[in-house]
Amino acid sequence: MDINIGAILINNGLICFTLGLVMMLFAVFHKRYNGFVLISSAYFCLSIAFALSATRPFLPELSIIAAYTLSSATLLLIYIGIERFREHEPKLLKYSLFPLCASFLSSSVFTFIFPNIKACDTIFSLLVLAQLATCIWATLRNAKAFKSYQFMLTAAFALVMLSFTYKTYTTFTSPIDIHNFQSAWPYGSHMQAYPVTFILSAFAFIWGSVERAEIEKDKHAKELEKNYHFMDVLLDAIPLPVFHKDTDLRYRTINKSFCEVLGLPKEKIIGKTTMEVIPNKVVDLSKAFDLRVLKTGEEQEYETAFPFPDSLQHEIQVKKSAFFDSSGNISGIVGAFTDITERKIYESKIKYLALHDQVTGLPNRNMFYAQLKRSIAMAKRNNYTLALLYIDLDGFKTVNDTCGHDAGDTLLRSIGKRLMTTIRESDTACRIGGDEFTVLTEMYNNPADIEIVAEKLRKALAEPVNCEGNLCQTSASIGVALYPQDAETSRDLVKAADKAMYLAKKKGKNQVCFFNNLEA
């Protein structure tokens, strides 16, 4: 065997082993084992094939089989590279495996069963040419534009086809010496195409892998950008103000409604803290709940007043939750708030209607008893006296019957106003029934003072009122009960004042009677 050809084979084997090792490392570094491991295995097989070819003087049959295995592995390498690079797998590339298998079969038949080097070499070359032509046609026919690595693969195809064509030609035109097969220059020269083909294929694969990775990266970036755009549009479509803060409490994401509530454009909010965009009196409360979310990871909810761009204070309900990253760590805060001003107004109205009389606007029976219990508890704790005045209008039914209910309502409203203007600000006047009122007087100095207040009320309520064009006049019978002299509970105190009021009725109406006078 010629020493130069042996050196070339050993050199090619080292090149293939090196490329196989590079591919294996590339697979490990990029964690993409499927295609890369197959290519790496193909390179290792090629290196073994080269080593076996170099042992021709010792194992002649194995050297011939190794040469064909070398050629087949080259085609398999290119095939896998094409399959890896293309976005879809053409059927023609799969069909091209049939001539490749036939080439192995023919090599075995004409090497071991019917030894014929010329037939073996010729049929193998024709089958390989068919397989290569199929691969090239499948690659070229649907390609809109070639990239750099595709040009390299095409050059590798062309180089191998040229070498096989040359080999087939020399097989028919040059005599073959079985003992000097590889040292003959017609057969040895075409072997030089293999190292170039291997290197081109390897560079094409590596280059294509990097380029494909960049394409995937760009595609992924576009998908992310598309998703971010979708999320921005989705957030802007939400009518509630929505926000996202990082762990430094700086705004990172907000929607259109949030900007409208603050009256600031998005670029003046993003990257700033709550203190920089929200009035100071709201900052402390907001920061306290932000820190609580970051510390506990639990959802927080609270209500507060917030100045809107209309210069009015709106009641808002704020909900904040922790935002967890893929590792399960808290990486920020997400939240939203709702304008509950209308709800608060309705709740206030409902509460007012539940505790106030609709005609006079005075506290009603429910509020009266609640206030009376609180007042008795305070008087007991602070050891002072309070008085309850129970008022019943005299002749109110006659006004209703003769002048109508509208006139009666007008009279009641007038009575309510007179009560409010006559008593002290610390006293409480209520309407507890149709024509029944109460006045709760706290912390007076002398029982005689209560009698003066009762007389003022009696005189004020006896003045005539213009009711819907009619002059209406009523009087008031007033019963007075004292705590704790006359009763020690709210129920007993009301009963005592009611009995005193009935005593005033019996005495001729338009009078003031004390419960202690009734006992006497």
Protein backbone atom coordinates (compact mmCIF):
# COMPACT_ATOMS: atom_id res chain seq x y z
CA MET A 1 0.00 0.00 0.00
CA ASP A 2 1.26 3.44 -0.88
CA ILE A 3 2.37 5.31 2.26
CA ASN A 4 0.87 8.61 1.06
CA ILE A 5 -2.59 7.11 0.59
CA GLY A 6 -2.37 5.49 4.04
CA ALA A 7 -1.42 8.83 5.55
CA ILE A 8 -4.36 10.48 3.80
CA LEU A 9 -6.76 7.85 5.19
CA ILE A 10 -5.43 8.26 8.73
CA ASN A 11 -5.65 12.05 8.36
CA ASN A 12 -9.25 11.83 7.13
CA GLY A 13 -10.10 9.57 10.04
CA LEU A 14 -8.71 12.10 12.51
CA ILE A 15 -10.67 14.89 10.80
CA CYS A 16 -13.91 12.90 11.10
CA PHE A 17 -13.22 12.03 14.73
CA THR A 18 -12.55 15.71 15.51
CA LEU A 19 -15.74 16.82 13.75
CA GLY A 20 -17.70 14.13 15.60
CA LEU A 21 -16.34 15.35 18.90
CA VAL A 22 -17.20 18.97 18.01
CA MET A 23 -20.75 17.91 17.14
CA MET A 24 -21.11 16.02 20.41
CA LEU A 25 -19.92 19.06 22.39
CA PHE A 26 -22.23 21.25 20.35
CA ALA A 27 -25.13 18.94 21.28
CA VAL A 28 -24.23 19.09 24.98
CA PHE A 29 -23.77 22.87 25.05
CA HIS A 30 -27.04 23.60 23.22
CA LYS A 31 -29.04 20.72 24.78
CA ARG A 32 -30.32 19.64 21.38
CA TYR A 33 -29.36 15.99 21.34
CA ASN A 34 -31.62 14.48 18.68
CA GLY A 35 -30.08 15.59 15.37
CA PHE A 36 -26.64 16.50 16.70
CA VAL A 37 -26.01 13.12 18.31
CA LEU A 38 -26.95 11.36 15.05
CA ILE A 39 -24.57 13.54 13.07
CA SER A 40 -21.84 13.03 15.66
CA SER A 41 -22.36 9.27 15.48
CA ALA A 42 -22.10 9.43 11.69
CA TYR A 43 -18.75 11.23 11.97
CA PHE A 44 -17.45 8.62 14.40
CA CYS A 45 -18.54 5.86 11.97
CA LEU A 46 -16.66 7.64 9.19
CA SER A 47 -13.51 7.84 11.29
CA ILE A 48 -13.72 4.07 11.93
CA ALA A 49 -14.31 3.49 8.21
CA PHE A 50 -11.16 5.46 7.36
CA ALA A 51 -9.18 3.48 9.90
CA LEU A 52 -10.41 0.20 8.38
CA SER A 53 -9.53 1.43 4.87
CA ALA A 54 -5.98 1.99 6.03
CA THR A 55 -5.74 -1.71 7.01
CA ARG A 56 -6.15 -2.93 3.38
CA PRO A 57 -2.84 -4.88 3.31
CA PHE A 58 -3.93 -6.84 6.37
CA LEU A 59 -7.72 -7.12 5.77
CA PRO A 60 -8.41 -6.67 2.01
CA GLU A 61 -12.15 -7.43 2.16
CA LEU A 62 -12.77 -5.07 5.07
CA SER A 63 -10.95 -2.27 3.27
CA ILE A 64 -13.37 -2.48 0.29
CA ILE A 65 -16.45 -2.59 2.55
CA ALA A 66 -15.05 0.30 4.59
CA ALA A 67 -14.73 2.41 1.44
CA TYR A 68 -18.41 1.88 0.57
CA THR A 69 -19.46 2.43 4.17
CA LEU A 70 -17.52 5.68 4.02
CA SER A 71 -19.45 6.81 0.93
CA SER A 72 -22.81 5.77 2.37
CA ALA A 73 -22.15 7.51 5.69
CA THR A 74 -21.33 10.68 3.76
CA LEU A 75 -24.71 10.59 2.03
CA LEU A 76 -26.48 9.77 5.30
CA LEU A 77 -24.76 12.74 6.92
CA ILE A 78 -25.94 15.08 4.15
CA TYR A 79 -29.45 13.62 4.28
CA ILE A 80 -29.75 14.17 8.04
CA GLY A 81 -28.42 17.70 7.61
CA ILE A 82 -31.08 18.48 4.99
CA GLU A 83 -33.82 16.97 7.15
CA ARG A 84 -32.61 19.00 10.11
CA PHE A 85 -32.43 22.31 8.28
CA ARG A 86 -35.66 22.22 6.35
CA GLU A 87 -38.90 23.30 8.02
CA HIS A 88 -40.74 20.31 6.54
CA GLU A 89 -39.66 16.86 5.37
CA PRO A 90 -40.18 16.18 1.62
CA LYS A 91 -41.20 12.66 0.65
CA LEU A 92 -38.49 12.56 -2.02
CA LEU A 93 -35.81 12.69 0.67
CA LYS A 94 -37.36 9.67 2.32
CA TYR A 95 -37.63 7.80 -0.98
CA SER A 96 -33.93 8.49 -1.60
CA LEU A 97 -33.12 6.06 1.20
CA PHE A 98 -34.12 3.13 -1.03
CA PRO A 99 -31.21 3.48 -3.48
CA LEU A 100 -28.94 4.04 -0.49
CA CYS A 101 -30.03 0.70 0.98
CA ALA A 102 -29.70 -0.93 -2.44
CA SER A 103 -26.12 0.32 -2.63
CA PHE A 104 -25.28 -1.45 0.63
CA LEU A 105 -26.94 -4.61 -0.65
CA SER A 106 -25.12 -4.52 -3.99
CA SER A 107 -21.79 -3.92 -2.23
CA SER A 108 -22.32 -6.99 -0.07
CA VAL A 109 -23.40 -9.17 -3.03
CA PHE A 110 -20.48 -8.23 -5.33
CA THR A 111 -17.94 -8.37 -2.53
CA PHE A 112 -18.76 -11.63 -0.76
CA ILE A 113 -21.16 -13.69 -2.96
CA PHE A 114 -20.05 -12.88 -6.53
CA PRO A 115 -16.73 -11.05 -6.16
CA ASN A 116 -16.61 -8.49 -8.96
CA ILE A 117 -14.93 -5.18 -8.13
CA LYS A 118 -15.94 -3.49 -11.40
CA ALA A 119 -19.63 -4.43 -11.10
CA CYS A 120 -19.63 -3.55 -7.40
CA ASP A 121 -18.03 -0.18 -8.02
CA THR A 122 -20.24 0.64 -11.02
CA ILE A 123 -23.59 -0.33 -9.47
CA PHE A 124 -22.70 1.39 -6.20
CA SER A 125 -21.76 4.57 -8.03
CA LEU A 126 -24.97 4.58 -10.10
CA LEU A 127 -27.16 4.03 -7.03
CA VAL A 128 -25.34 6.71 -5.09
CA LEU A 129 -25.67 9.13 -8.01
CA ALA A 130 -29.42 8.43 -8.09
CA GLN A 131 -29.69 9.05 -4.39
CA LEU A 132 -27.71 12.28 -4.58
CA ALA A 133 -29.70 13.51 -7.56
CA THR A 134 -32.93 12.85 -5.67
CA CYS A 135 -31.66 14.79 -2.64
CA ILE A 136 -30.54 17.73 -4.74
CA TRP A 137 -33.82 17.84 -6.68
CA ALA A 138 -35.86 17.67 -3.46
CA THR A 139 -33.80 20.50 -2.00
CA LEU A 140 -33.84 22.77 -5.04
CA ARG A 141 -37.36 22.46 -6.42
CA ASN A 142 -39.23 24.22 -3.60
CA ALA A 143 -36.49 26.54 -2.37
CA LYS A 144 -37.43 30.20 -2.81
CA ALA A 145 -34.08 31.55 -1.67
CA PHE A 146 -30.83 29.83 -0.68
CA LYS A 147 -28.90 30.65 2.43
CA SER A 148 -25.18 30.26 2.96
CA TYR A 149 -25.32 26.80 4.52
CA GLN A 150 -27.58 25.57 1.70
CA PHE A 151 -24.95 26.65 -0.86
CA MET A 152 -22.38 24.65 1.12
CA LEU A 153 -24.55 21.55 1.08
CA THR A 154 -25.16 21.96 -2.65
CA ALA A 155 -21.40 22.27 -3.24
CA ALA A 156 -20.84 19.11 -1.19
CA PHE A 157 -23.48 17.31 -3.28
CA ALA A 158 -21.87 18.45 -6.50
CA LEU A 159 -18.39 17.50 -5.36
CA VAL A 160 -19.43 13.98 -4.37
CA MET A 161 -21.38 13.52 -7.61
CA LEU A 162 -18.37 14.68 -9.60
CA SER A 163 -16.08 12.28 -7.77
CA PHE A 164 -18.46 9.37 -8.29
CA THR A 165 -18.87 10.21 -11.96
CA TYR A 166 -15.11 10.30 -12.35
CA LYS A 167 -14.79 7.04 -10.47
CA THR A 168 -17.37 5.32 -12.70
CA TYR A 169 -15.60 6.57 -15.81
CA THR A 170 -12.22 5.28 -14.64
CA THR A 171 -13.73 1.94 -13.74
CA PHE A 172 -14.59 1.30 -17.40
CA THR A 173 -11.59 2.95 -18.99
CA SER A 174 -8.71 1.89 -16.71
CA PRO A 175 -7.56 -1.61 -15.81
CA ILE A 176 -7.99 -2.65 -12.19
CA ASP A 177 -5.29 -4.34 -10.20
CA ILE A 178 -6.85 -5.85 -7.14
CA HIS A 179 -3.48 -5.90 -5.36
CA ASN A 180 -2.82 -2.27 -6.14
CA PHE A 181 -6.38 -0.88 -6.07
CA GLN A 182 -6.04 2.18 -3.85
CA SER A 183 -2.54 3.16 -4.99
CA ALA A 184 -3.68 3.55 -8.60
CA TRP A 185 -4.07 7.27 -9.21
CA PRO A 186 -7.45 7.10 -11.06
CA TYR A 187 -8.99 5.54 -8.01
CA GLY A 188 -6.98 7.32 -5.37
CA SER A 189 -7.54 10.81 -6.79
CA HIS A 190 -11.30 10.82 -6.39
CA MET A 191 -10.87 9.95 -2.72
CA GLN A 192 -9.55 13.46 -2.14
CA ALA A 193 -13.08 14.75 -2.61
CA TYR A 194 -14.19 13.10 0.61
CA PRO A 195 -12.31 15.30 3.12
CA VAL A 196 -13.58 18.42 1.32
CA THR A 197 -17.09 17.00 1.29
CA PHE A 198 -16.96 16.18 5.00
CA ILE A 199 -15.67 19.60 5.94
CA LEU A 200 -18.22 21.38 3.74
CA SER A 201 -21.03 19.30 5.21
CA ALA A 202 -19.86 19.89 8.76
CA PHE A 203 -19.52 23.63 8.25
CA ALA A 204 -22.90 23.70 6.55
CA PHE A 205 -24.49 21.91 9.46
CA ILE A 206 -22.88 24.09 12.10
CA TRP A 207 -23.51 27.27 10.13
CA GLY A 208 -27.07 26.20 9.41
CA SER A 209 -27.69 25.31 13.04
CA VAL A 210 -26.50 28.72 14.18
CA GLU A 211 -28.52 30.45 11.48
CA ARG A 212 -31.57 28.36 12.31
CA ALA A 213 -31.12 29.22 15.98
CA GLU A 214 -31.02 32.90 15.05
CA ILE A 215 -34.15 32.47 12.96
CA GLU A 216 -35.89 30.73 15.85
CA LYS A 217 -34.68 33.45 18.19
CA ASP A 218 -36.03 36.17 15.91
CA LYS A 219 -39.27 34.24 15.51
CA HIS A 220 -39.55 33.86 19.26
CA ALA A 221 -38.81 37.56 19.72
CA LYS A 222 -41.54 38.43 17.22
CA GLU A 223 -43.95 36.13 19.03
CA LEU A 224 -43.07 37.78 22.32
CA GLU A 225 -43.53 41.21 20.77
CA LYS A 226 -46.85 40.08 19.37
CA ASN A 227 -47.91 38.73 22.76
CA TYR A 228 -46.80 41.93 24.49
CA HIS A 229 -48.78 43.95 21.98
CA PHE A 230 -51.79 41.71 22.52
CA MET A 231 -51.47 42.10 26.30
CA ASP A 232 -51.22 45.88 25.95
CA VAL A 233 -54.35 45.96 23.80
CA LEU A 234 -56.12 43.60 26.19
CA LEU A 235 -55.15 45.67 29.24
CA ASP A 236 -56.24 48.88 27.54
CA ALA A 237 -59.61 47.26 26.79
CA ILE A 238 -60.18 46.63 30.51
CA PRO A 239 -62.23 49.51 31.94
CA LEU A 240 -60.63 49.15 35.38
CA PRO A 241 -57.27 50.79 36.13
CA VAL A 242 -54.67 47.98 36.18
CA PHE A 243 -51.00 48.22 37.17
CA HIS A 244 -47.86 46.14 37.73
CA LYS A 245 -45.02 47.17 40.05
CA ASP A 246 -41.59 45.65 40.59
CA THR A 247 -40.08 44.92 44.00
CA ASP A 248 -38.81 48.52 44.17
CA LEU A 249 -42.47 49.63 43.90
CA ARG A 250 -41.90 51.20 40.48
CA TYR A 251 -44.62 50.97 37.87
CA ARG A 252 -43.70 48.62 34.99
CA THR A 253 -47.02 48.02 33.26
CA ILE A 254 -50.19 50.10 33.32
CA ASN A 255 -53.25 50.34 31.12
CA LYS A 256 -55.09 53.24 29.53
CA SER A 257 -57.66 53.50 32.33
CA PHE A 258 -54.89 53.89 34.90
CA CYS A 259 -53.43 56.82 32.94
CA GLU A 260 -56.85 58.44 32.66
CA VAL A 261 -57.47 58.20 36.40
CA LEU A 262 -54.10 59.77 37.22
CA GLY A 263 -54.41 62.30 34.40
CA LEU A 264 -50.86 61.54 33.21
CA PRO A 265 -49.46 59.94 30.02
CA LYS A 266 -47.95 56.45 30.28
CA GLU A 267 -44.36 57.62 29.77
CA LYS A 268 -44.61 59.87 32.86
CA ILE A 269 -45.74 56.95 35.05
CA ILE A 270 -43.64 53.98 33.90
CA GLY A 271 -40.48 53.60 35.97
CA LYS A 272 -41.67 55.89 38.78
CA THR A 273 -42.82 55.10 42.29
CA THR A 274 -46.21 55.80 43.81
CA MET A 275 -44.82 58.80 45.68
CA GLU A 276 -43.85 60.45 42.39
CA VAL A 277 -47.26 60.16 40.72
CA ILE A 278 -49.87 60.05 43.51
CA PRO A 279 -50.65 62.70 46.18
CA ASN A 280 -48.76 62.27 49.42
CA LYS A 281 -51.76 61.51 51.63
CA VAL A 282 -52.43 58.34 49.62
CA VAL A 283 -48.78 57.25 49.46
CA ASP A 284 -48.38 55.95 53.02
CA LEU A 285 -51.46 53.74 52.80
CA SER A 286 -50.51 52.42 49.35
CA LYS A 287 -46.90 51.73 50.37
CA ALA A 288 -47.96 49.94 53.55
CA PHE A 289 -50.14 47.50 51.60
CA ASP A 290 -47.45 47.08 48.90
CA LEU A 291 -44.90 46.04 51.50
CA ARG A 292 -47.43 43.71 53.10
CA VAL A 293 -47.99 41.98 49.75
CA LEU A 294 -44.23 41.61 49.15
CA LYS A 295 -43.70 40.26 52.66
CA THR A 296 -46.61 37.81 52.94
CA GLY A 297 -47.45 37.07 49.30
CA GLU A 298 -51.14 37.32 50.21
CA GLU A 299 -53.78 39.38 48.44
CA GLN A 300 -54.56 42.72 50.07
CA GLU A 301 -57.70 44.81 49.72
CA TYR A 302 -58.58 48.24 51.07
CA GLU A 303 -60.69 51.32 50.40
CA THR A 304 -59.60 54.93 50.32
CA ALA A 305 -60.43 58.34 48.89
CA PHE A 306 -58.55 59.28 45.72
CA PRO A 307 -58.44 62.59 43.79
CA PHE A 308 -59.57 62.13 40.18
CA PRO A 309 -58.82 64.48 37.27
CA ASP A 310 -62.30 66.05 37.77
CA SER A 311 -60.89 67.60 41.01
CA LEU A 312 -63.28 65.49 43.11
CA GLN A 313 -62.47 62.89 45.73
CA HIS A 314 -63.64 59.47 44.58
CA GLU A 315 -63.96 56.43 46.78
CA ILE A 316 -61.93 53.53 45.35
CA GLN A 317 -61.48 49.88 46.27
CA VAL A 318 -57.93 48.63 45.69
CA LYS A 319 -56.89 44.98 45.29
CA LYS A 320 -53.23 43.96 45.18
CA SER A 321 -51.65 40.52 44.69
CA ALA A 322 -48.10 39.20 44.54
CA PHE A 323 -46.61 38.37 41.13
CA PHE A 324 -44.47 35.22 41.20
CA ASP A 325 -41.74 34.39 38.69
CA SER A 326 -41.04 30.94 37.25
CA SER A 327 -38.93 30.06 40.31
CA GLY A 328 -41.78 30.80 42.68
CA ASN A 329 -40.23 34.00 44.07
CA ILE A 330 -42.16 37.24 44.42
CA SER A 331 -40.99 39.53 41.63
CA GLY A 332 -43.57 42.27 41.82
CA ILE A 333 -47.13 43.38 42.55
CA VAL A 334 -50.16 43.35 40.28
CA GLY A 335 -53.34 45.14 41.13
CA ALA A 336 -56.40 47.05 40.09
CA PHE A 337 -58.81 49.47 41.66
CA THR A 338 -62.49 50.17 41.20
CA ASP A 339 -64.31 53.47 41.52
CA ILE A 340 -66.96 52.72 44.16
CA THR A 341 -68.15 56.31 44.60
CA GLU A 342 -71.62 55.60 43.26
CA ARG A 343 -71.91 52.49 45.38
CA LYS A 344 -70.88 54.45 48.46
CA ILE A 345 -73.45 57.14 47.63
CA TYR A 346 -76.16 54.53 47.24
CA GLU A 347 -75.10 52.83 50.46
CA SER A 348 -75.16 56.18 52.23
CA LYS A 349 -78.61 56.94 50.83
CA ILE A 350 -79.92 53.53 51.85
CA LYS A 351 -78.43 53.93 55.31
CA TYR A 352 -79.92 57.42 55.57
CA LEU A 353 -83.35 56.20 54.49
CA ALA A 354 -83.12 53.32 56.95
CA LEU A 355 -82.38 55.69 59.85
CA HIS A 356 -84.28 58.86 58.91
CA ASP A 357 -87.87 59.87 58.39
CA GLN A 358 -88.61 60.58 54.71
CA VAL A 359 -91.04 63.43 55.41
CA THR A 360 -89.24 65.50 58.05
CA GLY A 361 -85.65 64.29 57.58
CA LEU A 362 -85.41 63.69 61.33
CA PRO A 363 -83.96 60.44 62.74
CA ASN A 364 -86.61 57.72 62.79
CA ARG A 365 -87.62 55.17 65.41
CA ASN A 366 -84.68 52.84 64.66
CA MET A 367 -82.09 55.58 65.04
CA PHE A 368 -83.89 56.97 68.10
CA TYR A 369 -83.66 53.72 70.07
CA ALA A 370 -80.00 53.20 69.02
CA GLN A 371 -79.13 56.74 70.11
CA LEU A 372 -81.08 56.38 73.35
CA LYS A 373 -79.16 53.22 74.30
CA ARG A 374 -75.82 54.93 73.58
CA SER A 375 -76.85 58.03 75.56
CA ILE A 376 -77.93 55.98 78.60
CA ALA A 377 -74.64 54.05 78.50
CA MET A 378 -72.65 57.31 78.39
CA ALA A 379 -74.75 58.84 81.19
CA LYS A 380 -74.21 55.76 83.34
CA ARG A 381 -70.47 55.74 82.69
CA ASN A 382 -70.01 59.48 83.31
CA ASN A 383 -72.65 59.74 86.06
CA TYR A 384 -74.84 62.47 84.60
CA THR A 385 -78.60 62.89 83.97
CA LEU A 386 -80.53 62.97 80.69
CA ALA A 387 -84.15 63.77 79.84
CA LEU A 388 -86.52 62.30 77.28
CA LEU A 389 -89.34 64.50 75.94
CA TYR A 390 -92.19 62.56 74.32
CA ILE A 391 -94.25 64.85 72.06
CA ASP A 392 -97.67 64.15 70.55
CA LEU A 393 -99.36 66.70 68.27
CA ASP A 394 -102.88 67.74 69.23
CA GLY A 395 -105.34 68.01 66.34
CA PHE A 396 -103.07 66.63 63.63
CA LYS A 397 -105.74 64.15 62.46
CA THR A 398 -108.14 67.03 61.91
CA VAL A 399 -105.58 68.76 59.62
CA ASN A 400 -105.14 65.56 57.61
CA ASP A 401 -108.90 65.05 57.28
CA THR A 402 -109.81 68.64 56.39
CA CYS A 403 -106.79 69.87 54.42
CA GLY A 404 -105.42 66.61 52.97
CA HIS A 405 -102.30 64.54 53.42
CA ASP A 406 -100.10 66.96 51.47
CA ALA A 407 -100.97 69.69 53.94
CA GLY A 408 -100.31 67.23 56.76
CA ASP A 409 -96.84 66.47 55.35
CA THR A 410 -96.13 70.19 55.06
CA LEU A 411 -97.13 70.64 58.69
CA LEU A 412 -94.89 67.75 59.77
CA ARG A 413 -91.91 69.22 57.89
CA SER A 414 -92.52 72.56 59.61
CA ILE A 415 -92.72 70.84 62.99
CA GLY A 416 -89.41 69.09 62.31
CA LYS A 417 -87.68 72.38 61.43
CA ARG A 418 -89.04 74.04 64.58
CA LEU A 419 -87.76 71.20 66.72
CA MET A 420 -84.27 71.47 65.20
CA THR A 421 -84.11 75.25 65.65
CA THR A 422 -85.38 75.15 69.23
CA ILE A 423 -83.19 72.46 70.78
CA ARG A 424 -79.44 72.55 71.34
CA GLU A 425 -76.99 71.07 68.83
CA SER A 426 -76.07 68.39 71.34
CA ASP A 427 -79.73 67.31 71.67
CA THR A 428 -81.46 64.83 69.37
CA ALA A 429 -84.96 65.24 67.85
CA CYS A 430 -86.67 62.23 66.21
CA ARG A 431 -89.97 61.33 64.60
CA ILE A 432 -91.01 57.93 65.89
CA GLY A 433 -94.57 57.73 64.55
CA GLY A 434 -97.27 59.52 62.59
CA ASP A 435 -97.58 62.64 64.83
CA GLU A 436 -95.24 61.54 67.63
CA PHE A 437 -91.79 63.05 68.19
CA THR A 438 -89.08 62.72 70.81
CA VAL A 439 -86.31 65.01 72.02
CA LEU A 440 -83.34 63.60 73.88
CA THR A 441 -81.58 66.14 76.08
CA GLU A 442 -78.24 65.23 77.66
CA MET A 443 -76.07 66.74 80.43
CA TYR A 444 -78.35 69.45 81.79
CA ASN A 445 -77.63 71.16 85.08
CA ASN A 446 -81.08 71.52 86.67
CA PRO A 447 -84.50 69.87 86.12
CA ALA A 448 -85.88 73.37 85.83
CA ASP A 449 -83.83 73.79 82.66
CA ILE A 450 -85.70 70.86 81.11
CA GLU A 451 -88.99 72.50 81.95
CA ILE A 452 -87.84 75.67 80.19
CA VAL A 453 -86.83 73.65 77.08
CA ALA A 454 -90.19 71.84 77.11
CA GLU A 455 -92.10 75.09 77.35
CA LYS A 456 -90.15 76.59 74.47
CA LEU A 457 -90.98 73.55 72.36
CA ARG A 458 -94.67 73.67 73.31
CA LYS A 459 -94.96 77.33 72.33
CA ALA A 460 -93.02 76.87 69.09
CA LEU A 461 -95.16 73.95 67.99
CA ALA A 462 -98.37 75.85 68.72
CA GLU A 463 -97.71 78.54 66.11
CA PRO A 464 -99.89 78.31 62.96
CA VAL A 465 -98.42 77.03 59.67
CA ASN A 466 -99.38 77.82 56.07
CA CYS A 467 -100.08 74.37 54.62
CA GLU A 468 -100.86 74.28 50.90
CA GLY A 469 -102.77 77.59 51.12
CA ASN A 470 -104.51 76.68 54.37
CA LEU A 471 -103.62 78.07 57.78
CA CYS A 472 -103.16 75.07 60.02
CA GLN A 473 -102.52 75.07 63.73
CA THR A 474 -101.80 72.30 66.21
CA SER A 475 -100.53 72.13 69.74
CA ALA A 476 -98.28 69.65 71.51
CA SER A 477 -98.73 67.50 74.60
CA ILE A 478 -95.27 66.81 76.05
CA GLY A 479 -94.33 64.13 78.57
CA VAL A 480 -90.92 64.24 80.26
CA ALA A 481 -89.03 61.35 81.90
CA LEU A 482 -85.59 61.59 83.54
CA TYR A 483 -82.69 59.11 83.70
CA PRO A 484 -81.89 57.64 86.16
CA GLN A 485 -84.57 59.14 88.44
CA ASP A 486 -87.58 57.75 86.53
CA ALA A 487 -86.12 54.73 84.73
CA GLU A 488 -82.78 52.98 84.23
CA THR A 489 -83.33 51.30 80.85
CA SER A 490 -84.21 52.71 77.46
CA ARG A 491 -87.51 50.79 77.25
CA ASP A 492 -88.63 51.87 80.72
CA LEU A 493 -87.60 55.47 80.05
CA VAL A 494 -89.75 55.58 76.88
CA LYS A 495 -92.71 54.08 78.77
CA ALA A 496 -92.34 56.67 81.52
CA ALA A 497 -92.22 59.57 79.04
CA ASP A 498 -95.22 58.12 77.17
CA LYS A 499 -97.28 57.94 80.40
CA ALA A 500 -96.34 61.54 81.19
CA MET A 501 -97.48 62.58 77.69
CA TYR A 502 -100.87 60.88 78.22
CA LEU A 503 -101.18 62.74 81.50
CA ALA A 504 -100.71 66.01 79.58
CA LYS A 505 -103.46 64.87 77.17
CA LYS A 506 -105.83 64.19 80.08
CA LYS A 507 -105.17 67.60 81.56
CA GLY A 508 -106.49 69.28 78.44
CA LYS A 509 -103.63 68.98 75.95
CA ASN A 510 -101.05 71.61 74.98
CA GLN A 511 -99.28 71.02 78.30
CA VAL A 512 -96.00 69.69 79.69
CA CYS A 513 -96.08 66.93 82.34
CA PHE A 514 -93.20 65.22 84.16
CA PHE A 515 -93.32 61.54 85.06
CA ASN A 516 -92.46 62.29 88.68
CA ASN A 517 -95.66 64.39 88.85
CA LEU A 518 -97.58 61.34 87.66
CA GLU A 519 -96.13 59.25 90.48
CA ALA A 520 -97.06 61.91 92.95
